[in-house]
Amino acid sequence: MSVSAKLRSYFNETRRPLVCLVFAAPLLVLYEVGVWTFPETARNGADVWMRGWLGALGLGGAVVLPAVVIGVLLAWHYTSRQPWRVPRGVLLGMAGESLLVGFGLRVFARFFAPVFSLFQMPGDETRIALAAGPVNRLLQRVIEYIGAGVYEEVLFVLVLLSALIAIFSHQLARPRAVLLAALVSSILFAAAHHVGAQGEAFYFSVFLFRLLAGGLFAAIFLNRGFGVAIGAHAVYDVLVGMHSS
């Protein structure tokens, strides 16, 4: 098999729901076990909101949300009629992509912070980060930031972006529907960090950066798959969290 054929095969494999599930599962398990082990670890907003919505439907319990995520990905894979296999080497490649994108976004944030500061409103501070506020212990920080990478992508990309594309596609050609859906989901992703009891004070420069980051994660989801989107988001959040600690 030629190099180009191998790359095409790899790119196709990484987007399959089963492969994404197997790649994301360790992060999901690490977060859920970590929160259970350290109850004082703060859950991110997306996690809290989705658990609240499920609870309102009578589906409370610690394992319900991760079970729903797993079930959605398995159902997606089943309905797509793709093979039930995960080729060797694909997961390692996805880990490499996640590290590359996460580090790249961190470098972009650091070097372009002066540019984003030009968009500051009175009283703003340029605090470019996707993660929530700090917690006390190093391990708890890592657990919290991994959870943000997992569940923010579940809510704003896997659920919201996919739903918006389906809705907008009824009225628009698919390319326009995808662009509009990515824009709306990115705006909501950025705004969500300033909502609720855990919400941060609003800084326009930070909102703008998160808007662009949301667009990047949407593009990764659409072109590289859900697994790489989760991995890249988690890597970036951990890097930011460790730097701010």
C-alpha atoms as a PDB file:
ATOM      1  CA  MET A   1       0.000   0.000   0.000  1.00  0.00           C
ATOM      2  CA  SER A   2       1.379   3.409  -0.970  1.00  0.00           C
ATOM      3  CA  VAL A   3       1.973   6.166   1.578  1.00  0.00           C
ATOM      4  CA  SER A   4      -0.953   8.203   0.244  1.00  0.00           C
ATOM      5  CA  ALA A   5      -3.236   5.168   0.456  1.00  0.00           C
ATOM      6  CA  LYS A   6      -2.129   4.515   4.042  1.00  0.00           C
ATOM      7  CA  LEU A   7      -2.822   8.142   4.960  1.00  0.00           C
ATOM      8  CA  ARG A   8      -6.278   8.002   3.397  1.00  0.00           C
ATOM      9  CA  SER A   9      -7.001   4.812   5.299  1.00  0.00           C
ATOM     10  CA  TYR A  10      -5.778   6.362   8.547  1.00  0.00           C
ATOM     11  CA  PHE A  11      -7.836   9.527   8.076  1.00  0.00           C
ATOM     12  CA  ASN A  12     -10.940   7.457   7.389  1.00  0.00           C
ATOM     13  CA  GLU A  13     -10.370   5.158  10.359  1.00  0.00           C
ATOM     14  CA  THR A  14      -9.911   8.001  12.855  1.00  0.00           C
ATOM     15  CA  ARG A  15     -13.349   9.387  12.034  1.00  0.00           C
ATOM     16  CA  ARG A  16     -15.218   6.137  12.714  1.00  0.00           C
ATOM     17  CA  PRO A  17     -17.406   6.328  15.862  1.00  0.00           C
ATOM     18  CA  LEU A  18     -16.039   3.081  17.332  1.00  0.00           C
ATOM     19  CA  VAL A  19     -12.443   4.246  16.970  1.00  0.00           C
ATOM     20  CA  CYS A  20     -13.363   7.603  18.518  1.00  0.00           C
ATOM     21  CA  LEU A  21     -15.032   5.817  21.428  1.00  0.00           C
ATOM     22  CA  VAL A  22     -12.049   3.568  22.098  1.00  0.00           C
ATOM     23  CA  PHE A  23      -9.736   6.591  21.955  1.00  0.00           C
ATOM     24  CA  ALA A  24     -11.904   8.746  24.228  1.00  0.00           C
ATOM     25  CA  ALA A  25     -12.792   5.985  26.702  1.00  0.00           C
ATOM     26  CA  PRO A  26      -9.599   6.250  28.819  1.00  0.00           C
ATOM     27  CA  LEU A  27     -10.118  10.014  29.206  1.00  0.00           C
ATOM     28  CA  LEU A  28     -13.759   9.493  30.117  1.00  0.00           C
ATOM     29  CA  VAL A  29     -12.922   6.789  32.655  1.00  0.00           C
ATOM     30  CA  LEU A  30     -10.049   8.825  34.138  1.00  0.00           C
ATOM     31  CA  TYR A  31     -12.328  11.804  34.654  1.00  0.00           C
ATOM     32  CA  GLU A  32     -15.247   9.863  36.135  1.00  0.00           C
ATOM     33  CA  VAL A  33     -13.045   7.790  38.444  1.00  0.00           C
ATOM     34  CA  GLY A  34     -11.105  10.922  39.399  1.00  0.00           C
ATOM     35  CA  VAL A  35     -14.239  12.840  40.353  1.00  0.00           C
ATOM     36  CA  TRP A  36     -15.466   9.841  42.355  1.00  0.00           C
ATOM     37  CA  THR A  37     -12.079   9.528  44.092  1.00  0.00           C
ATOM     38  CA  PHE A  38     -11.780  13.260  44.786  1.00  0.00           C
ATOM     39  CA  PRO A  39     -15.366  14.494  45.361  1.00  0.00           C
ATOM     40  CA  GLU A  40     -14.145  18.052  45.905  1.00  0.00           C
ATOM     41  CA  THR A  41     -12.971  18.210  42.289  1.00  0.00           C
ATOM     42  CA  ALA A  42     -15.150  20.721  40.438  1.00  0.00           C
ATOM     43  CA  ARG A  43     -17.188  19.447  37.496  1.00  0.00           C
ATOM     44  CA  ASN A  44     -17.218  21.682  34.440  1.00  0.00           C
ATOM     45  CA  GLY A  45     -20.352  23.461  33.303  1.00  0.00           C
ATOM     46  CA  ALA A  46     -21.114  21.165  30.360  1.00  0.00           C
ATOM     47  CA  ASP A  47     -20.971  18.133  32.643  1.00  0.00           C
ATOM     48  CA  VAL A  48     -23.240  19.745  35.242  1.00  0.00           C
ATOM     49  CA  TRP A  49     -25.775  20.928  32.653  1.00  0.00           C
ATOM     50  CA  MET A  50     -26.082  17.577  30.891  1.00  0.00           C
ATOM     51  CA  ARG A  51     -26.443  15.704  34.182  1.00  0.00           C
ATOM     52  CA  GLY A  52     -29.131  18.191  35.199  1.00  0.00           C
ATOM     53  CA  TRP A  53     -31.047  17.665  31.954  1.00  0.00           C
ATOM     54  CA  LEU A  54     -30.841  13.899  32.312  1.00  0.00           C
ATOM     55  CA  GLY A  55     -31.909  14.171  35.940  1.00  0.00           C
ATOM     56  CA  ALA A  56     -34.969  16.178  34.892  1.00  0.00           C
ATOM     57  CA  LEU A  57     -35.888  13.218  32.689  1.00  0.00           C
ATOM     58  CA  GLY A  58     -35.561  10.854  35.626  1.00  0.00           C
ATOM     59  CA  LEU A  59     -32.152   9.611  34.519  1.00  0.00           C
ATOM     60  CA  GLY A  60     -30.041  10.599  37.494  1.00  0.00           C
ATOM     61  CA  GLY A  61     -26.979   8.751  38.730  1.00  0.00           C
ATOM     62  CA  ALA A  62     -23.240   9.062  38.340  1.00  0.00           C
ATOM     63  CA  VAL A  63     -22.914   6.568  35.489  1.00  0.00           C
ATOM     64  CA  VAL A  64     -25.854   7.736  33.379  1.00  0.00           C
ATOM     65  CA  LEU A  65     -24.108  10.514  31.434  1.00  0.00           C
ATOM     66  CA  PRO A  66     -21.011   8.499  30.456  1.00  0.00           C
ATOM     67  CA  ALA A  67     -23.299   5.577  29.601  1.00  0.00           C
ATOM     68  CA  VAL A  68     -25.340   7.849  27.322  1.00  0.00           C
ATOM     69  CA  VAL A  69     -22.182   9.112  25.599  1.00  0.00           C
ATOM     70  CA  ILE A  70     -20.976   5.552  25.035  1.00  0.00           C
ATOM     71  CA  GLY A  71     -24.411   4.486  23.849  1.00  0.00           C
ATOM     72  CA  VAL A  72     -24.667   7.357  21.358  1.00  0.00           C
ATOM     73  CA  LEU A  73     -21.292   6.538  19.816  1.00  0.00           C
ATOM     74  CA  LEU A  74     -22.095   2.816  19.636  1.00  0.00           C
ATOM     75  CA  ALA A  75     -25.480   3.534  18.053  1.00  0.00           C
ATOM     76  CA  TRP A  76     -23.863   5.925  15.580  1.00  0.00           C
ATOM     77  CA  HIS A  77     -21.324   3.267  14.649  1.00  0.00           C
ATOM     78  CA  TYR A  78     -24.006   0.580  14.307  1.00  0.00           C
ATOM     79  CA  THR A  79     -26.261   2.685  12.080  1.00  0.00           C
ATOM     80  CA  SER A  80     -23.319   3.679   9.879  1.00  0.00           C
ATOM     81  CA  ARG A  81     -22.718  -0.040   9.192  1.00  0.00           C
ATOM     82  CA  GLN A  82     -18.966   0.257   9.589  1.00  0.00           C
ATOM     83  CA  PRO A  83     -16.720  -2.645  10.616  1.00  0.00           C
ATOM     84  CA  TRP A  84     -16.322  -3.379  14.315  1.00  0.00           C
ATOM     85  CA  ARG A  85     -12.554  -3.151  14.486  1.00  0.00           C
ATOM     86  CA  VAL A  86      -9.894  -0.698  15.609  1.00  0.00           C
ATOM     87  CA  PRO A  87      -6.725  -1.040  13.512  1.00  0.00           C
ATOM     88  CA  ARG A  88      -3.410  -1.070  15.314  1.00  0.00           C
ATOM     89  CA  GLY A  89      -1.521   2.196  15.202  1.00  0.00           C
ATOM     90  CA  VAL A  90      -4.581   4.373  14.643  1.00  0.00           C
ATOM     91  CA  LEU A  91      -5.006   5.250  18.321  1.00  0.00           C
ATOM     92  CA  LEU A  92      -1.336   6.183  18.613  1.00  0.00           C
ATOM     93  CA  GLY A  93      -1.657   8.434  15.595  1.00  0.00           C
ATOM     94  CA  MET A  94      -4.727  10.099  17.105  1.00  0.00           C
ATOM     95  CA  ALA A  95      -2.795  10.718  20.314  1.00  0.00           C
ATOM     96  CA  GLY A  96      -0.037  12.351  18.291  1.00  0.00           C
ATOM     97  CA  GLU A  97      -2.546  14.545  16.461  1.00  0.00           C
ATOM     98  CA  SER A  98      -4.153  15.574  19.749  1.00  0.00           C
ATOM     99  CA  LEU A  99      -0.800  16.563  21.220  1.00  0.00           C
ATOM    100  CA  LEU A 100       0.153  18.469  18.084  1.00  0.00           C
ATOM    101  CA  VAL A 101      -3.099  20.448  17.918  1.00  0.00           C
ATOM    102  CA  GLY A 102      -3.229  21.053  21.676  1.00  0.00           C
ATOM    103  CA  PHE A 103       0.339  22.349  21.800  1.00  0.00           C
ATOM    104  CA  GLY A 104      -0.227  24.344  18.620  1.00  0.00           C
ATOM    105  CA  LEU A 105      -3.280  26.076  20.054  1.00  0.00           C
ATOM    106  CA  ARG A 106      -1.373  26.830  23.245  1.00  0.00           C
ATOM    107  CA  VAL A 107       1.478  28.402  21.263  1.00  0.00           C
ATOM    108  CA  PHE A 108      -1.039  30.388  19.213  1.00  0.00           C
ATOM    109  CA  ALA A 109      -2.694  31.660  22.395  1.00  0.00           C
ATOM    110  CA  ARG A 110       0.607  32.783  23.909  1.00  0.00           C
ATOM    111  CA  PHE A 111       2.003  34.509  20.843  1.00  0.00           C
ATOM    112  CA  PHE A 112      -1.247  36.153  19.777  1.00  0.00           C
ATOM    113  CA  ALA A 113      -2.285  37.330  23.243  1.00  0.00           C
ATOM    114  CA  PRO A 114      -1.135  40.901  22.373  1.00  0.00           C
ATOM    115  CA  VAL A 115      -3.387  40.803  19.307  1.00  0.00           C
ATOM    116  CA  PHE A 116      -6.392  39.688  21.321  1.00  0.00           C
ATOM    117  CA  SER A 117      -5.629  42.390  23.874  1.00  0.00           C
ATOM    118  CA  LEU A 118      -6.444  44.939  21.146  1.00  0.00           C
ATOM    119  CA  PHE A 119     -10.048  43.774  21.438  1.00  0.00           C
ATOM    120  CA  GLN A 120     -10.201  44.322  25.181  1.00  0.00           C
ATOM    121  CA  MET A 121     -13.113  46.236  26.594  1.00  0.00           C
ATOM    122  CA  PRO A 122     -12.619  48.601  29.551  1.00  0.00           C
ATOM    123  CA  GLY A 123     -11.644  46.565  32.597  1.00  0.00           C
ATOM    124  CA  ASP A 124     -10.681  43.517  30.582  1.00  0.00           C
ATOM    125  CA  GLU A 125      -7.707  41.347  31.351  1.00  0.00           C
ATOM    126  CA  THR A 126      -6.322  39.112  28.636  1.00  0.00           C
ATOM    127  CA  ARG A 127      -6.747  35.663  30.155  1.00  0.00           C
ATOM    128  CA  ILE A 128      -6.837  33.288  27.221  1.00  0.00           C
ATOM    129  CA  ALA A 129      -7.873  29.893  28.575  1.00  0.00           C
ATOM    130  CA  LEU A 130     -10.632  27.372  27.993  1.00  0.00           C
ATOM    131  CA  ALA A 131     -10.544  25.740  31.386  1.00  0.00           C
ATOM    132  CA  ALA A 132     -12.438  26.651  34.518  1.00  0.00           C
ATOM    133  CA  GLY A 133     -10.949  28.104  37.683  1.00  0.00           C
ATOM    134  CA  PRO A 134      -8.184  26.352  39.600  1.00  0.00           C
ATOM    135  CA  VAL A 135      -8.600  23.600  42.154  1.00  0.00           C
ATOM    136  CA  ASN A 136      -6.250  22.758  44.988  1.00  0.00           C
ATOM    137  CA  ARG A 137      -4.288  19.714  43.949  1.00  0.00           C
ATOM    138  CA  LEU A 138      -2.314  18.983  40.811  1.00  0.00           C
ATOM    139  CA  LEU A 139      -4.108  15.710  40.103  1.00  0.00           C
ATOM    140  CA  GLN A 140      -7.474  17.349  40.634  1.00  0.00           C
ATOM    141  CA  ARG A 141      -6.523  20.051  38.141  1.00  0.00           C
ATOM    142  CA  VAL A 142      -5.643  17.467  35.512  1.00  0.00           C
ATOM    143  CA  ILE A 143      -8.883  15.569  36.144  1.00  0.00           C
ATOM    144  CA  GLU A 144     -10.955  18.740  35.877  1.00  0.00           C
ATOM    145  CA  TYR A 145      -9.338  19.862  32.629  1.00  0.00           C
ATOM    146  CA  ILE A 146      -9.676  16.422  31.063  1.00  0.00           C
ATOM    147  CA  GLY A 147     -13.363  16.501  31.962  1.00  0.00           C
ATOM    148  CA  ALA A 148     -13.734  19.870  30.258  1.00  0.00           C
ATOM    149  CA  GLY A 149     -12.132  18.491  27.114  1.00  0.00           C
ATOM    150  CA  VAL A 150     -14.454  15.493  27.084  1.00  0.00           C
ATOM    151  CA  TYR A 151     -17.827  16.924  28.022  1.00  0.00           C
ATOM    152  CA  GLU A 152     -17.530  20.309  26.327  1.00  0.00           C
ATOM    153  CA  GLU A 153     -16.880  18.470  23.074  1.00  0.00           C
ATOM    154  CA  VAL A 154     -19.783  16.110  23.770  1.00  0.00           C
ATOM    155  CA  LEU A 155     -22.197  19.003  24.329  1.00  0.00           C
ATOM    156  CA  PHE A 156     -21.045  21.627  21.859  1.00  0.00           C
ATOM    157  CA  VAL A 157     -19.713  19.445  19.050  1.00  0.00           C
ATOM    158  CA  LEU A 158     -21.139  15.924  19.148  1.00  0.00           C
ATOM    159  CA  VAL A 159     -24.646  17.043  20.164  1.00  0.00           C
ATOM    160  CA  LEU A 160     -25.105  20.733  19.341  1.00  0.00           C
ATOM    161  CA  LEU A 161     -23.056  21.033  16.154  1.00  0.00           C
ATOM    162  CA  SER A 162     -24.473  17.808  14.728  1.00  0.00           C
ATOM    163  CA  ALA A 163     -28.038  18.876  15.559  1.00  0.00           C
ATOM    164  CA  LEU A 164     -27.577  22.338  14.054  1.00  0.00           C
ATOM    165  CA  ILE A 165     -26.159  20.902  10.837  1.00  0.00           C
ATOM    166  CA  ALA A 166     -29.185  18.616  10.542  1.00  0.00           C
ATOM    167  CA  ILE A 167     -31.584  21.510  11.197  1.00  0.00           C
ATOM    168  CA  PHE A 168     -29.923  24.057   8.896  1.00  0.00           C
ATOM    169  CA  SER A 169     -29.544  21.502   6.103  1.00  0.00           C
ATOM    170  CA  HIS A 170     -33.320  21.583   5.618  1.00  0.00           C
ATOM    171  CA  GLN A 171     -33.100  25.195   4.427  1.00  0.00           C
ATOM    172  CA  LEU A 172     -29.519  25.622   3.203  1.00  0.00           C
ATOM    173  CA  ALA A 173     -27.043  23.819   0.997  1.00  0.00           C
ATOM    174  CA  ARG A 174     -24.833  21.614   3.144  1.00  0.00           C
ATOM    175  CA  PRO A 175     -21.656  23.780   2.961  1.00  0.00           C
ATOM    176  CA  ARG A 176     -23.587  26.821   4.183  1.00  0.00           C
ATOM    177  CA  ALA A 177     -25.425  24.763   6.776  1.00  0.00           C
ATOM    178  CA  VAL A 178     -22.124  23.456   8.153  1.00  0.00           C
ATOM    179  CA  LEU A 179     -20.564  26.929   8.300  1.00  0.00           C
ATOM    180  CA  LEU A 180     -23.591  28.444  10.024  1.00  0.00           C
ATOM    181  CA  ALA A 181     -23.823  25.547  12.470  1.00  0.00           C
ATOM    182  CA  ALA A 182     -20.115  25.858  13.314  1.00  0.00           C
ATOM    183  CA  LEU A 183     -20.499  29.608  13.892  1.00  0.00           C
ATOM    184  CA  VAL A 184     -23.542  29.246  16.147  1.00  0.00           C
ATOM    185  CA  SER A 185     -22.059  26.377  18.165  1.00  0.00           C
ATOM    186  CA  SER A 186     -18.777  28.286  18.573  1.00  0.00           C
ATOM    187  CA  ILE A 187     -20.594  31.384  19.835  1.00  0.00           C
ATOM    188  CA  LEU A 188     -22.532  29.299  22.344  1.00  0.00           C
ATOM    189  CA  PHE A 189     -19.339  27.476  23.376  1.00  0.00           C
ATOM    190  CA  ALA A 190     -17.600  30.782  24.077  1.00  0.00           C
ATOM    191  CA  ALA A 191     -20.606  32.299  25.849  1.00  0.00           C
ATOM    192  CA  ALA A 192     -21.200  29.232  28.030  1.00  0.00           C
ATOM    193  CA  HIS A 193     -18.034  29.913  30.009  1.00  0.00           C
ATOM    194  CA  HIS A 194     -19.662  33.054  31.422  1.00  0.00           C
ATOM    195  CA  VAL A 195     -22.982  31.462  32.457  1.00  0.00           C
ATOM    196  CA  GLY A 196     -24.088  29.989  35.759  1.00  0.00           C
ATOM    197  CA  ALA A 197     -22.542  29.706  39.198  1.00  0.00           C
ATOM    198  CA  GLN A 198     -19.227  28.528  37.736  1.00  0.00           C
ATOM    199  CA  GLY A 199     -19.211  31.190  35.038  1.00  0.00           C
ATOM    200  CA  GLU A 200     -16.249  33.497  34.636  1.00  0.00           C
ATOM    201  CA  ALA A 201     -16.359  37.284  34.455  1.00  0.00           C
ATOM    202  CA  PHE A 202     -16.826  38.385  30.852  1.00  0.00           C
ATOM    203  CA  TYR A 203     -13.715  39.507  28.968  1.00  0.00           C
ATOM    204  CA  PHE A 204     -14.293  40.209  25.298  1.00  0.00           C
ATOM    205  CA  SER A 205     -10.735  39.266  24.345  1.00  0.00           C
ATOM    206  CA  VAL A 206     -11.153  35.858  26.000  1.00  0.00           C
ATOM    207  CA  PHE A 207     -14.595  35.423  24.438  1.00  0.00           C
ATOM    208  CA  LEU A 208     -13.104  36.148  21.003  1.00  0.00           C
ATOM    209  CA  PHE A 209     -10.346  33.592  21.483  1.00  0.00           C
ATOM    210  CA  ARG A 210     -12.796  30.949  22.653  1.00  0.00           C
ATOM    211  CA  LEU A 211     -14.978  31.710  19.646  1.00  0.00           C
ATOM    212  CA  LEU A 212     -12.036  30.968  17.343  1.00  0.00           C
ATOM    213  CA  ALA A 213     -11.085  27.897  19.381  1.00  0.00           C
ATOM    214  CA  GLY A 214     -14.660  26.645  19.142  1.00  0.00           C
ATOM    215  CA  GLY A 215     -14.459  26.999  15.375  1.00  0.00           C
ATOM    216  CA  LEU A 216     -11.202  25.052  15.372  1.00  0.00           C
ATOM    217  CA  PHE A 217     -12.680  22.196  17.413  1.00  0.00           C
ATOM    218  CA  ALA A 218     -15.715  22.129  15.121  1.00  0.00           C
ATOM    219  CA  ALA A 219     -13.414  21.867  12.097  1.00  0.00           C
ATOM    220  CA  ILE A 220     -11.436  19.088  13.774  1.00  0.00           C
ATOM    221  CA  PHE A 221     -14.640  17.192  14.540  1.00  0.00           C
ATOM    222  CA  LEU A 222     -15.874  17.490  10.964  1.00  0.00           C
ATOM    223  CA  ASN A 223     -12.560  16.651   9.309  1.00  0.00           C
ATOM    224  CA  ARG A 224     -10.601  14.570  11.816  1.00  0.00           C
ATOM    225  CA  GLY A 225     -13.296  13.077  14.003  1.00  0.00           C
ATOM    226  CA  PHE A 226     -14.678  13.296  17.514  1.00  0.00           C
ATOM    227  CA  GLY A 227     -11.754  11.490  19.137  1.00  0.00           C
ATOM    228  CA  VAL A 228      -9.101  13.944  17.977  1.00  0.00           C
ATOM    229  CA  ALA A 229     -11.358  16.867  18.928  1.00  0.00           C
ATOM    230  CA  ILE A 230     -11.655  15.551  22.491  1.00  0.00           C
ATOM    231  CA  GLY A 231      -7.946  14.784  22.726  1.00  0.00           C
ATOM    232  CA  ALA A 232      -6.829  18.178  21.417  1.00  0.00           C
ATOM    233  CA  HIS A 233      -9.220  20.036  23.724  1.00  0.00           C
ATOM    234  CA  ALA A 234      -8.087  18.038  26.758  1.00  0.00           C
ATOM    235  CA  VAL A 235      -4.397  18.574  25.951  1.00  0.00           C
ATOM    236  CA  TYR A 236      -4.889  22.314  25.566  1.00  0.00           C
ATOM    237  CA  ASP A 237      -6.893  22.623  28.791  1.00  0.00           C
ATOM    238  CA  VAL A 238      -4.274  20.695  30.763  1.00  0.00           C
ATOM    239  CA  LEU A 239      -1.471  22.866  29.350  1.00  0.00           C
ATOM    240  CA  VAL A 240      -3.319  26.059  30.261  1.00  0.00           C
ATOM    241  CA  GLY A 241      -4.238  24.743  33.682  1.00  0.00           C
ATOM    242  CA  MET A 242      -0.690  23.702  34.515  1.00  0.00           C
ATOM    243  CA  HIS A 243       0.685  27.049  33.365  1.00  0.00           C
ATOM    244  CA  SER A 244      -1.781  29.002  35.496  1.00  0.00           C
ATOM    245  CA  SER A 245      -1.193  26.904  38.606  1.00  0.00           C
END
